[in-house]
Every structure is written in C-alpha cells, then in structure tokens.
Amino acid sequence: YSAFLQAVVSTQSTWGLQGFMEPVEDKLQKVYNGIKKAVMIIADRLRYGSMTELGHNAFGDKQLDMDVQFDTLIYDCLKESGVVAYAMSEERPFPIELGGTDFIVTLDPLDGGSVIASNFSVGSIFAIWPNKDKLIGLKGRDMVGAMVAIYGPRTSLVYFNHKLKQVDELWITKTEGKEVWAPGVSKIQIKETTKLFAPGNLRATTENKGYKEVVDFWWNSGYTLRYTGAMVPDIFQIFIKGEGIFSNMISPKHPAKLRYLYEIAPFAFLMEAAGGKSTDGVKSVLDRIIDGYEIKGQVAVGSKTEIDRIEACLKKYAQILPKLLAYLKCCLLYTSPSPRDATLSRMPSSA
C-alpha cells in the first residue's frame, strides 16, 4: 500500500496527500464553486440594493455599502470552500485568514462603483494564487486561476478552465424556474489584430507622448471606440468578441489608479491564457514581482498587434526624453557666459 502511494505521488505532481490524495484541480474547483455562488447572490442583490456612500476605502476611492456587503459575502463563500487560506480585496488590502491551506484569493468585489448609479454594467474580479509567503515575491505567472463576472442585462463570467487549460464563459439561465450556470463561449481565443479600442485615462495623453501617438493612430485609422469607464465591461467585451485592446497608461499628473492584485493581474492572466497579450508598457504584466498589497500600475491587454504598437510608441519616447535632457544639460554646461556674468566672475569675493 505504501509503495502504491509513493508511485501515485511520484507520477501525479499536482496531487497532495492532504485531503486523502485530493487533486489540486479538484480543490481549485471548490474555489470556483464558492465564487460562482457569491456571484449569483450578488447579481440578485444588485437589482434591489441601495447605493449609500460610506466614505472611502484604503485606496481613497468612494466606498458604497454594496462594496462592503459583497466583500463580506465573498469572503464567507470562500471560507465555506474549505481550501482558501487567505483572501484580500480592494476593501481590505491585507491577508485575512479563512481557515484553508491551499490558496490565496485576491479580489475586487464590485468594480465600476463610479458608473453603477448610471445603471452601467459592473463586475467582480478574482485571482487565485498558491498559498506561498502571503504572495510576497511571487509573480503574476504564479497564479493558478482567475474569474471575472459581469452584471449587465445578463450575468456571465469568464474563467480559466484549469482542466482544459483554456478560457471559457458561463452565464446564468433558468431551468424549471431555478437559476443555474450554463456554458457560453468555449475556448475563447483572442485574434492578433483588431479594430476595436477602449482607451482609459486619456488625460495622460497631454503628457505621455507615446500614449498620445498610439491613441491618435487608433482615431485616425478608423478604429471603433467601445469604452464605458468601467474596467470589467471594457475588457470583458474583448473576450466575447475575440478581439480588441484596452489601455490605461499614466503620466506624472495622472498617475496609476488600477490595482495589480485586484484588477490588473487577473485580467492579464486570463488574456494571455486566451492567446492575447498584456503589457505594463515594457513587458508582460505577469512578470512583475509582488512586493506589497497596494501596488498600482499602468496596463494594456488585448490583441497582440496593438500591444506591440503600444510598447513601440512608449519605447520611442522613452528613448527620446533622456537624449533631450542630456542635450539640454550640455547646452547649459557649455553656453558662453554673458558679459555681465564675465564681469561678476572677475570681481573679488567678499571675505
């Protein structure tokens, strides 16, 4: 019997002895099931709930009573799964113990609070990580799963299907009067080219010349603008249409607002799993090392050709600026002194 156990462990590296040899894949499904349960409840409560402002969260954003309610609900569902060790969110950006041992979940319980009063689509974002060092030192590529739910005319979600290694859609329908999850688009693939763009933080184009150049290219080339101002619907459409580009670049006066653990990383993970690309302006978002729980950054995700275009434009101006500063420095160092400066230089200094 011991020899049998040893053989199984050696051939099934994704298994663990805890839970009587329960596969890691099965444990991950428990997390997904907990999230789906929470999403179904949130979809119902959004129809009838209030939108009272409570103040501001840790990031300085306005906090609605829904943010707090849904945050608590999701934590409860994750705890019920029995496999989540810690969770943290935009509302509580620090590890909170949930009793399990296998995973850490980072989440945004309600993305799009600024547009919810206008009855725009909003969503929830989830990233699932291995339970290692409370995430410090890990990269986005260490993620093992992700889910993004959208609450609109219908409620649906996209997720990383860990069994088939692909990105799939699920949506809520009714069978015999009961709400259930049904399969939607299967094996989502992002095309390399697109004519659809969703540019965020456009104010940054007043300073970020590389960002301005790429946005001008999209406008002048007749691309179709599809932008709501909420991250979930603006990126979710790329998965369903199979193409598109979402960008949110920054500048000194218009810094980063999007959070790495709760928004950026899970979308980048799903996009790359579906054959698309992500960038922080230089490299894949998933190559960033986690060194805190309140990291912010710039991001673009979507079709490969447009990600490459963004990186090229940003790189061009990143190279020009240092050269310009060096040139101006040389001008200051080697400019001949004015007659007045020369006169002053010959005057004796005071003792």
Protein backbone atom coordinates (compact mmCIF):
# COMPACT_ATOMS: atom_id res chain seq x y z
CA TYR A 1 0.00 0.00 0.00
CA SER A 2 2.81 2.44 0.89
CA ALA A 3 4.52 1.57 -2.39
CA PHE A 4 1.27 2.35 -4.22
CA LEU A 5 1.00 5.76 -2.52
CA GLN A 6 4.61 6.55 -3.37
CA ALA A 7 4.01 5.64 -7.03
CA VAL A 8 0.92 7.84 -7.24
CA VAL A 9 2.70 10.81 -5.63
CA SER A 10 5.67 10.48 -7.97
CA THR A 11 3.51 10.37 -11.12
CA GLN A 12 0.90 12.94 -10.14
CA SER A 13 2.81 16.07 -9.14
CA THR A 14 -0.42 18.10 -8.99
CA TRP A 15 -1.74 15.93 -6.16
CA GLY A 16 -1.18 16.44 -2.47
CA LEU A 17 -1.54 13.99 0.41
CA GLN A 18 -3.72 16.35 2.43
CA GLY A 19 -7.41 15.57 1.97
CA PHE A 20 -6.66 11.89 1.16
CA MET A 21 -4.94 12.49 -2.12
CA GLU A 22 -7.44 15.08 -3.37
CA PRO A 23 -6.18 16.56 -6.66
CA VAL A 24 -5.23 20.23 -6.61
CA GLU A 25 -7.54 20.64 -9.61
CA ASP A 26 -10.50 19.45 -7.54
CA LYS A 27 -9.59 21.87 -4.76
CA LEU A 28 -9.41 24.72 -7.24
CA GLN A 29 -12.89 23.79 -8.45
CA LYS A 30 -14.11 24.30 -4.88
CA VAL A 31 -12.83 27.89 -5.02
CA TYR A 32 -14.58 28.43 -8.36
CA ASN A 33 -17.80 26.99 -6.94
CA GLY A 34 -17.61 29.37 -3.98
CA ILE A 35 -17.11 32.33 -6.31
CA LYS A 36 -19.99 31.27 -8.57
CA LYS A 37 -22.27 31.03 -5.54
CA ALA A 38 -21.31 34.55 -4.46
CA VAL A 39 -21.74 35.95 -7.99
CA MET A 40 -25.25 34.53 -8.27
CA ILE A 41 -26.25 36.17 -4.98
CA ILE A 42 -24.61 39.49 -5.94
CA ALA A 43 -26.45 39.52 -9.29
CA ASP A 44 -29.77 39.33 -7.43
CA ARG A 45 -28.89 41.91 -4.76
CA LEU A 46 -27.68 44.43 -7.34
CA ARG A 47 -31.22 44.68 -8.71
CA TYR A 48 -32.72 45.82 -5.43
CA GLY A 49 -29.88 47.04 -3.19
CA SER A 50 -29.13 50.59 -2.09
CA MET A 51 -26.08 52.60 -3.11
CA THR A 52 -25.28 54.56 0.04
CA GLU A 53 -21.80 56.07 0.22
CA LEU A 54 -19.93 55.08 3.39
CA GLY A 55 -16.73 57.07 2.89
CA HIS A 56 -13.51 55.95 1.23
CA ASN A 57 -11.60 52.68 1.10
CA ALA A 58 -7.87 52.15 1.66
CA PHE A 59 -7.10 53.40 -1.87
CA GLY A 60 -9.06 56.63 -1.44
CA ASP A 61 -11.97 55.56 -3.64
CA LYS A 62 -15.57 56.17 -2.66
CA GLN A 63 -16.92 53.15 -0.83
CA LEU A 64 -20.55 52.08 -1.26
CA ASP A 65 -22.49 49.94 1.19
CA MET A 66 -22.64 47.38 -1.63
CA ASP A 67 -18.82 47.21 -1.69
CA VAL A 68 -18.75 46.19 1.97
CA GLN A 69 -21.72 43.81 1.74
CA PHE A 70 -20.39 41.97 -1.30
CA ASP A 71 -16.89 41.85 0.12
CA THR A 72 -18.20 40.11 3.24
CA LEU A 73 -20.39 37.77 1.19
CA ILE A 74 -17.49 36.65 -1.00
CA TYR A 75 -15.22 36.05 1.99
CA ASP A 76 -17.95 33.87 3.55
CA CYS A 77 -18.33 31.82 0.34
CA LEU A 78 -14.56 31.40 0.04
CA LYS A 79 -14.36 30.26 3.65
CA GLU A 80 -17.10 27.69 3.01
CA SER A 81 -14.96 26.15 0.27
CA GLY A 82 -12.57 24.93 2.97
CA VAL A 83 -9.47 25.35 0.79
CA VAL A 84 -8.73 29.11 0.88
CA ALA A 85 -6.03 30.09 3.37
CA TYR A 86 -6.18 33.87 2.92
CA ALA A 87 -8.15 36.45 1.00
CA MET A 88 -7.60 40.16 0.45
CA SER A 89 -9.50 42.77 -1.51
CA GLU A 90 -9.71 46.42 -2.50
CA GLU A 91 -11.84 46.95 0.57
CA ARG A 92 -9.41 45.07 2.84
CA PRO A 93 -5.96 45.02 1.18
CA PHE A 94 -4.27 42.73 3.70
CA PRO A 95 -4.33 38.95 4.27
CA ILE A 96 -7.32 37.67 6.23
CA GLU A 97 -7.28 34.05 7.36
CA LEU A 98 -10.12 31.88 6.07
CA GLY A 99 -9.14 28.53 7.55
CA GLY A 100 -7.91 26.60 4.50
CA THR A 101 -4.37 25.74 3.48
CA ASP A 102 -4.21 25.66 -0.32
CA PHE A 103 -4.93 29.03 -1.95
CA ILE A 104 -4.90 32.79 -1.61
CA VAL A 105 -7.62 34.80 -3.36
CA THR A 106 -7.33 38.49 -4.25
CA LEU A 107 -10.45 40.25 -5.44
CA ASP A 108 -12.40 43.36 -6.29
CA PRO A 109 -15.96 42.68 -5.03
CA LEU A 110 -17.61 45.41 -7.13
CA ASP A 111 -15.65 47.01 -9.95
CA GLY A 112 -17.34 50.05 -11.53
CA GLY A 113 -18.77 51.81 -8.48
CA SER A 114 -18.43 55.17 -10.23
CA VAL A 115 -20.86 54.16 -13.01
CA ILE A 116 -23.29 51.93 -11.14
CA ALA A 117 -25.71 54.79 -10.41
CA SER A 118 -25.99 55.31 -14.19
CA ASN A 119 -27.02 51.64 -14.48
CA PHE A 120 -23.93 50.71 -16.49
CA SER A 121 -22.62 47.17 -16.33
CA VAL A 122 -20.30 46.45 -13.39
CA GLY A 123 -18.41 43.36 -12.27
CA SER A 124 -16.36 41.35 -9.80
CA ILE A 125 -12.74 40.27 -10.32
CA PHE A 126 -10.95 37.29 -8.76
CA ALA A 127 -7.38 35.97 -8.85
CA ILE A 128 -6.43 32.63 -7.29
CA TRP A 129 -2.87 32.04 -6.15
CA PRO A 130 -0.94 29.23 -4.46
CA ASN A 131 -0.62 29.66 -0.72
CA LYS A 132 3.02 30.82 -0.66
CA ASP A 133 4.58 33.54 1.52
CA LYS A 134 1.33 35.51 1.50
CA LEU A 135 2.16 36.35 -2.15
CA ILE A 136 5.30 38.39 -1.44
CA GLY A 137 7.97 37.55 -4.02
CA LEU A 138 5.56 35.81 -6.39
CA LYS A 139 4.81 36.94 -9.95
CA GLY A 140 1.55 37.13 -11.86
CA ARG A 141 2.58 33.95 -13.69
CA ASP A 142 2.31 32.07 -10.41
CA MET A 143 -1.47 32.48 -10.47
CA VAL A 144 -3.37 29.20 -10.81
CA GLY A 145 -6.81 30.52 -11.70
CA ALA A 146 -8.89 33.63 -12.34
CA MET A 147 -12.53 34.61 -12.80
CA VAL A 148 -14.25 37.82 -13.86
CA ALA A 149 -18.02 38.25 -13.54
CA ILE A 150 -20.10 40.92 -15.27
CA TYR A 151 -23.54 42.08 -14.12
CA GLY A 152 -25.46 43.59 -17.04
CA PRO A 153 -28.61 42.68 -18.99
CA ARG A 154 -27.48 39.16 -18.12
CA THR A 155 -24.93 37.84 -15.64
CA SER A 156 -21.97 35.95 -17.06
CA LEU A 157 -18.34 35.24 -16.27
CA VAL A 158 -15.12 34.20 -17.94
CA TYR A 159 -12.66 31.96 -16.15
CA PHE A 160 -9.53 29.91 -16.63
CA ASN A 161 -10.63 26.32 -17.15
CA HIS A 162 -7.79 24.60 -15.31
CA LYS A 163 -8.81 21.15 -16.54
CA LEU A 164 -8.70 22.04 -20.26
CA LYS A 165 -6.17 24.89 -19.95
CA GLN A 166 -8.39 27.38 -21.75
CA VAL A 167 -10.65 30.36 -21.07
CA ASP A 168 -14.41 29.69 -21.09
CA GLU A 169 -17.61 31.62 -20.45
CA LEU A 170 -20.52 30.71 -18.17
CA TRP A 171 -23.82 32.57 -17.83
CA ILE A 172 -26.86 32.40 -15.58
CA THR A 173 -30.03 31.00 -17.07
CA LYS A 174 -33.21 29.43 -15.67
CA THR A 175 -34.18 25.78 -15.77
CA GLU A 176 -37.60 24.84 -14.38
CA GLY A 177 -37.71 28.17 -12.58
CA LYS A 178 -34.30 27.74 -10.94
CA GLU A 179 -31.23 29.82 -11.76
CA VAL A 180 -28.28 27.73 -12.90
CA TRP A 181 -24.92 28.25 -14.60
CA ALA A 182 -24.86 27.30 -18.28
CA PRO A 183 -21.91 27.09 -20.69
CA GLY A 184 -21.37 30.04 -23.00
CA VAL A 185 -18.47 30.71 -25.36
CA SER A 186 -15.93 27.88 -25.13
CA LYS A 187 -12.18 28.04 -25.70
CA ILE A 188 -12.02 31.80 -26.15
CA GLN A 189 -9.22 32.88 -28.50
CA ILE A 190 -8.07 36.48 -28.99
CA LYS A 191 -7.23 37.45 -32.57
CA GLU A 192 -3.84 39.06 -33.21
CA THR A 193 -5.37 42.08 -34.96
CA THR A 194 -8.36 44.27 -34.14
CA LYS A 195 -10.18 47.48 -34.97
CA LEU A 196 -11.82 47.91 -31.54
CA PHE A 197 -10.28 50.04 -28.79
CA ALA A 198 -11.12 51.08 -25.23
CA PRO A 199 -8.66 53.77 -24.06
CA GLY A 200 -8.68 54.66 -20.36
CA ASN A 201 -7.08 57.62 -18.58
CA LEU A 202 -6.97 59.71 -21.77
CA ARG A 203 -5.95 62.76 -19.72
CA ALA A 204 -2.49 61.19 -19.57
CA THR A 205 -2.06 61.84 -23.31
CA THR A 206 -1.43 65.53 -22.52
CA GLU A 207 1.95 64.49 -21.04
CA ASN A 208 2.57 60.93 -22.22
CA LYS A 209 3.51 61.48 -25.87
CA GLY A 210 3.84 57.78 -26.61
CA TYR A 211 0.32 57.13 -25.38
CA LYS A 212 -0.95 60.11 -27.40
CA GLU A 213 0.66 58.76 -30.56
CA VAL A 214 -0.96 55.35 -30.28
CA VAL A 215 -4.40 56.79 -29.40
CA ASP A 216 -4.14 59.20 -32.37
CA PHE A 217 -3.30 56.20 -34.57
CA TRP A 218 -6.48 54.42 -33.46
CA TRP A 219 -8.61 57.50 -34.09
CA ASN A 220 -7.08 58.32 -37.46
CA SER A 221 -7.22 54.71 -38.63
CA GLY A 222 -10.96 54.46 -38.11
CA TYR A 223 -10.93 52.05 -35.17
CA THR A 224 -14.24 51.56 -33.33
CA LEU A 225 -14.41 53.11 -29.85
CA ARG A 226 -16.08 50.94 -27.21
CA TYR A 227 -15.45 52.44 -23.76
CA THR A 228 -17.69 52.76 -20.68
CA GLY A 229 -15.26 53.87 -17.97
CA ALA A 230 -15.59 50.59 -16.03
CA MET A 231 -12.76 48.09 -16.38
CA VAL A 232 -14.85 44.90 -16.35
CA PRO A 233 -17.17 45.66 -19.30
CA ASP A 234 -14.37 47.37 -21.23
CA ILE A 235 -12.22 44.23 -21.12
CA PHE A 236 -14.99 41.62 -20.96
CA GLN A 237 -16.09 42.61 -24.46
CA ILE A 238 -12.64 41.62 -25.78
CA PHE A 239 -13.16 38.04 -24.59
CA ILE A 240 -16.64 37.75 -26.10
CA LYS A 241 -15.77 39.44 -29.41
CA GLY A 242 -12.43 37.66 -29.59
CA GLU A 243 -10.53 40.88 -30.29
CA GLY A 244 -9.86 44.38 -29.02
CA ILE A 245 -7.47 46.50 -27.00
CA PHE A 246 -7.92 48.04 -23.55
CA SER A 247 -5.32 50.54 -22.36
CA ASN A 248 -4.79 52.59 -19.23
CA MET A 249 -1.46 54.40 -19.42
CA ILE A 250 -0.25 57.01 -16.94
CA SER A 251 1.60 60.32 -16.71
CA PRO A 252 3.09 62.44 -13.89
CA LYS A 253 -0.12 64.45 -13.38
CA HIS A 254 -2.40 61.49 -13.99
CA PRO A 255 -0.86 58.57 -12.09
CA ALA A 256 -1.89 54.93 -11.85
CA LYS A 257 -5.20 54.07 -10.24
CA LEU A 258 -5.62 50.40 -11.19
CA ARG A 259 -4.51 47.84 -8.59
CA TYR A 260 -2.21 45.00 -9.53
CA LEU A 261 -3.52 42.22 -7.29
CA TYR A 262 -7.22 43.02 -7.53
CA GLU A 263 -7.65 44.20 -11.14
CA ILE A 264 -4.59 44.15 -13.39
CA ALA A 265 -3.08 40.71 -12.75
CA PRO A 266 -6.26 38.59 -13.08
CA PHE A 267 -7.23 40.24 -16.38
CA ALA A 268 -3.70 39.83 -17.75
CA PHE A 269 -3.68 36.16 -16.70
CA LEU A 270 -6.96 35.45 -18.49
CA MET A 271 -5.98 37.46 -21.57
CA GLU A 272 -2.68 35.63 -22.05
CA ALA A 273 -4.37 32.28 -21.39
CA ALA A 274 -6.73 33.12 -24.26
CA GLY A 275 -3.89 33.90 -26.66
CA GLY A 276 -3.82 37.66 -26.17
CA LYS A 277 -1.09 39.79 -24.63
CA SER A 278 -0.60 42.17 -21.73
CA THR A 279 1.92 44.91 -21.03
CA ASP A 280 2.91 47.42 -18.40
CA GLY A 281 4.39 49.48 -21.21
CA VAL A 282 7.63 47.49 -21.33
CA LYS A 283 6.94 43.84 -20.57
CA SER A 284 4.15 41.43 -19.71
CA VAL A 285 2.17 42.43 -16.65
CA LEU A 286 2.60 38.88 -15.34
CA ASP A 287 6.38 39.32 -14.96
CA ARG A 288 6.02 41.86 -12.16
CA ILE A 289 7.25 40.74 -8.73
CA ILE A 290 4.76 41.28 -5.92
CA ASP A 291 6.24 43.38 -3.12
CA GLY A 292 3.10 44.67 -1.41
CA TYR A 293 -0.67 44.56 -1.30
CA GLU A 294 -1.46 48.05 -2.59
CA ILE A 295 0.58 48.04 -5.82
CA LYS A 296 -0.79 50.14 -8.68
CA GLY A 297 0.33 50.33 -12.28
CA GLN A 298 -0.42 51.02 -15.92
CA VAL A 299 -1.70 48.25 -18.15
CA ALA A 300 -2.87 47.31 -21.61
CA VAL A 301 -4.44 43.97 -22.55
CA GLY A 302 -5.82 42.55 -25.76
CA SER A 303 -4.81 41.73 -29.32
CA LYS A 304 -1.10 41.16 -29.90
CA THR A 305 -0.59 43.70 -32.70
CA GLU A 306 -1.93 46.58 -30.62
CA ILE A 307 0.05 45.59 -27.53
CA ASP A 308 3.19 45.62 -29.68
CA ARG A 309 2.18 49.03 -31.06
CA ILE A 310 1.77 50.48 -27.56
CA GLU A 311 5.15 49.19 -26.42
CA ALA A 312 6.84 50.57 -29.55
CA CYS A 313 5.34 54.05 -29.13
CA LEU A 314 6.17 54.22 -25.44
CA LYS A 315 9.70 52.95 -26.08
CA LYS A 316 10.31 55.59 -28.74
CA TYR A 317 9.53 58.48 -26.42
CA ALA A 318 11.29 56.82 -23.51
CA GLN A 319 14.46 56.92 -25.64
CA ILE A 320 13.90 60.49 -26.85
CA LEU A 321 13.43 62.02 -23.40
CA PRO A 322 16.82 61.03 -21.91
CA LYS A 323 18.55 62.22 -25.09
CA LEU A 324 16.72 65.54 -24.93
CA LEU A 325 17.61 66.03 -21.27
CA ALA A 326 21.25 65.20 -21.99
CA TYR A 327 21.28 67.72 -24.86
CA LEU A 328 19.78 70.44 -22.67
CA LYS A 329 22.33 69.68 -19.95
CA CYS A 330 25.17 70.09 -22.47
CA CYS A 331 23.68 73.38 -23.60
CA LEU A 332 23.66 74.64 -20.02
CA LEU A 333 27.23 73.49 -19.36
CA TYR A 334 28.82 74.91 -22.50
CA THR A 335 26.86 78.10 -23.13
CA SER A 336 29.25 81.09 -23.09
CA PRO A 337 28.79 83.42 -20.10
CA SER A 338 27.11 86.77 -20.74
CA PRO A 339 29.22 89.97 -20.41
CA ARG A 340 27.58 90.58 -17.04
CA ASP A 341 28.49 87.08 -15.86
CA ALA A 342 32.08 87.59 -17.02
CA THR A 343 32.31 90.89 -15.10
CA LEU A 344 30.92 89.28 -11.97
CA SER A 345 33.40 86.40 -12.25
CA ARG A 346 36.32 88.88 -12.14
CA MET A 347 35.08 90.69 -9.03
CA PRO A 348 36.89 89.79 -5.81
CA SER A 349 34.86 87.70 -3.39
CA SER A 350 33.95 89.22 -0.05
CA ALA A 351 35.91 88.00 2.93
